[in-house]
Amino acid sequence: MRKRKRIKVVLGPKCQMPLPKEICDQLGTGPGDVLELMVEDSTLVARPRKRVALEALKEIQQAFQCSGITEDELQEAGRRVRQDYHIA
């Protein structure tokens, strides 16, 4: 089991919290990145938004695999719908 290092931070006047570089490195984040924050059982959980998006994309890909619809079929259906709306 990985030993967790405790790092203390101080909330600023607007309740902002600086994230130490060590934490950002572990999360794979940097300036300008967006974090999703949650509270689970009185614990603050921060997840990089790009990671959340990648997890959602994986779920979508799995759903397509289960449905039997190919990406090409989906794109073609989208083209047909767009053409129908442009013509009308």
C-alpha atoms as a PDB file:
ATOM      1  CA  MET A   1       0.000   0.000   0.000  1.00  0.00           C
ATOM      2  CA  ARG A   2       1.262   3.431  -0.960  1.00  0.00           C
ATOM      3  CA  LYS A   3       2.070   5.738   1.912  1.00  0.00           C
ATOM      4  CA  ARG A   4       0.180   9.007   1.630  1.00  0.00           C
ATOM      5  CA  LYS A   5       2.025  12.199   2.382  1.00  0.00           C
ATOM      6  CA  ARG A   6      -0.041  14.863   4.132  1.00  0.00           C
ATOM      7  CA  ILE A   7       0.306  18.354   2.743  1.00  0.00           C
ATOM      8  CA  LYS A   8      -1.252  21.336   4.474  1.00  0.00           C
ATOM      9  CA  VAL A   9      -2.662  24.263   2.532  1.00  0.00           C
ATOM     10  CA  VAL A  10      -4.241  27.480   3.787  1.00  0.00           C
ATOM     11  CA  LEU A  11      -7.460  28.830   2.309  1.00  0.00           C
ATOM     12  CA  GLY A  12      -7.151  32.374   1.021  1.00  0.00           C
ATOM     13  CA  PRO A  13      -9.591  35.239   1.657  1.00  0.00           C
ATOM     14  CA  LYS A  14     -11.943  34.012  -1.085  1.00  0.00           C
ATOM     15  CA  CYS A  15     -11.707  30.385   0.111  1.00  0.00           C
ATOM     16  CA  GLN A  16      -9.244  29.626  -2.667  1.00  0.00           C
ATOM     17  CA  MET A  17      -6.746  26.866  -2.125  1.00  0.00           C
ATOM     18  CA  PRO A  18      -3.321  26.695  -3.763  1.00  0.00           C
ATOM     19  CA  LEU A  19      -2.421  23.224  -4.993  1.00  0.00           C
ATOM     20  CA  PRO A  20       1.188  22.230  -4.380  1.00  0.00           C
ATOM     21  CA  LYS A  21       3.173  21.211  -7.464  1.00  0.00           C
ATOM     22  CA  GLU A  22       3.599  17.725  -6.030  1.00  0.00           C
ATOM     23  CA  ILE A  23      -0.182  17.228  -6.012  1.00  0.00           C
ATOM     24  CA  CYS A  24      -0.556  18.679  -9.519  1.00  0.00           C
ATOM     25  CA  ASP A  25       2.149  16.319 -10.754  1.00  0.00           C
ATOM     26  CA  GLN A  26       0.309  13.333  -9.263  1.00  0.00           C
ATOM     27  CA  LEU A  27      -2.958  14.462 -10.894  1.00  0.00           C
ATOM     28  CA  GLY A  28      -1.281  15.298 -14.191  1.00  0.00           C
ATOM     29  CA  THR A  29      -2.618  18.857 -14.078  1.00  0.00           C
ATOM     30  CA  GLY A  30      -1.177  22.309 -14.550  1.00  0.00           C
ATOM     31  CA  PRO A  31      -2.151  25.962 -14.839  1.00  0.00           C
ATOM     32  CA  GLY A  32      -5.444  26.438 -16.667  1.00  0.00           C
ATOM     33  CA  ASP A  33      -6.671  22.865 -16.153  1.00  0.00           C
ATOM     34  CA  VAL A  34     -10.131  22.389 -14.686  1.00  0.00           C
ATOM     35  CA  LEU A  35     -10.766  20.174 -11.654  1.00  0.00           C
ATOM     36  CA  GLU A  36     -14.052  18.589 -10.647  1.00  0.00           C
ATOM     37  CA  LEU A  37     -14.529  18.742  -6.865  1.00  0.00           C
ATOM     38  CA  MET A  38     -16.772  16.494  -4.780  1.00  0.00           C
ATOM     39  CA  VAL A  39     -17.241  15.751  -1.119  1.00  0.00           C
ATOM     40  CA  GLU A  40     -17.483  12.056  -0.244  1.00  0.00           C
ATOM     41  CA  ASP A  41     -17.899  11.140   3.418  1.00  0.00           C
ATOM     42  CA  SER A  42     -16.404  14.468   4.580  1.00  0.00           C
ATOM     43  CA  THR A  43     -13.440  14.012   2.231  1.00  0.00           C
ATOM     44  CA  LEU A  44     -12.644  16.465  -0.547  1.00  0.00           C
ATOM     45  CA  VAL A  45     -12.053  14.658  -3.840  1.00  0.00           C
ATOM     46  CA  ALA A  46     -10.504  16.491  -6.800  1.00  0.00           C
ATOM     47  CA  ARG A  47     -10.475  14.920 -10.257  1.00  0.00           C
ATOM     48  CA  PRO A  48      -9.027  16.482 -13.391  1.00  0.00           C
ATOM     49  CA  ARG A  49     -11.906  17.333 -15.737  1.00  0.00           C
ATOM     50  CA  LYS A  50     -10.011  15.921 -18.721  1.00  0.00           C
ATOM     51  CA  ARG A  51      -9.851  12.573 -16.916  1.00  0.00           C
ATOM     52  CA  VAL A  52     -13.617  12.715 -16.328  1.00  0.00           C
ATOM     53  CA  ALA A  53     -14.128  13.393 -20.046  1.00  0.00           C
ATOM     54  CA  LEU A  54     -11.871  10.485 -21.027  1.00  0.00           C
ATOM     55  CA  GLU A  55     -13.796   8.143 -18.715  1.00  0.00           C
ATOM     56  CA  ALA A  56     -17.078   9.283 -20.310  1.00  0.00           C
ATOM     57  CA  LEU A  57     -15.619   8.674 -23.775  1.00  0.00           C
ATOM     58  CA  LYS A  58     -14.633   5.131 -22.772  1.00  0.00           C
ATOM     59  CA  GLU A  59     -18.187   4.494 -21.565  1.00  0.00           C
ATOM     60  CA  ILE A  60     -19.577   5.755 -24.882  1.00  0.00           C
ATOM     61  CA  GLN A  61     -17.170   3.539 -26.819  1.00  0.00           C
ATOM     62  CA  GLN A  62     -18.222   0.514 -24.740  1.00  0.00           C
ATOM     63  CA  ALA A  63     -21.894   1.301 -25.373  1.00  0.00           C
ATOM     64  CA  PHE A  64     -21.245   1.392 -29.128  1.00  0.00           C
ATOM     65  CA  GLN A  65     -19.432  -1.931 -28.988  1.00  0.00           C
ATOM     66  CA  CYS A  66     -22.370  -3.486 -27.157  1.00  0.00           C
ATOM     67  CA  SER A  67     -24.920  -1.964 -29.579  1.00  0.00           C
ATOM     68  CA  GLY A  68     -23.249  -3.317 -32.694  1.00  0.00           C
ATOM     69  CA  ILE A  69     -23.388   0.110 -34.381  1.00  0.00           C
ATOM     70  CA  THR A  70     -20.118   1.140 -35.987  1.00  0.00           C
ATOM     71  CA  GLU A  71     -18.681   4.640 -35.888  1.00  0.00           C
ATOM     72  CA  ASP A  72     -19.056   4.855 -39.678  1.00  0.00           C
ATOM     73  CA  GLU A  73     -22.760   3.960 -39.426  1.00  0.00           C
ATOM     74  CA  LEU A  74     -23.271   6.609 -36.763  1.00  0.00           C
ATOM     75  CA  GLN A  75     -21.499   9.263 -38.832  1.00  0.00           C
ATOM     76  CA  GLU A  76     -23.537   8.384 -41.907  1.00  0.00           C
ATOM     77  CA  ALA A  77     -26.782   8.627 -39.933  1.00  0.00           C
ATOM     78  CA  GLY A  78     -25.657  12.044 -38.659  1.00  0.00           C
ATOM     79  CA  ARG A  79     -24.962  13.202 -42.226  1.00  0.00           C
ATOM     80  CA  ARG A  80     -28.430  12.105 -43.342  1.00  0.00           C
ATOM     81  CA  VAL A  81     -30.088  13.970 -40.464  1.00  0.00           C
ATOM     82  CA  ARG A  82     -28.104  17.147 -41.224  1.00  0.00           C
ATOM     83  CA  GLN A  83     -29.051  16.917 -44.925  1.00  0.00           C
ATOM     84  CA  ASP A  84     -32.721  16.498 -44.027  1.00  0.00           C
ATOM     85  CA  TYR A  85     -32.648  19.655 -41.924  1.00  0.00           C
ATOM     86  CA  HIS A  86     -30.776  21.688 -44.560  1.00  0.00           C
ATOM     87  CA  ILE A  87     -33.168  20.761 -47.348  1.00  0.00           C
ATOM     88  CA  ALA A  88     -36.356  21.398 -45.360  1.00  0.00           C
END
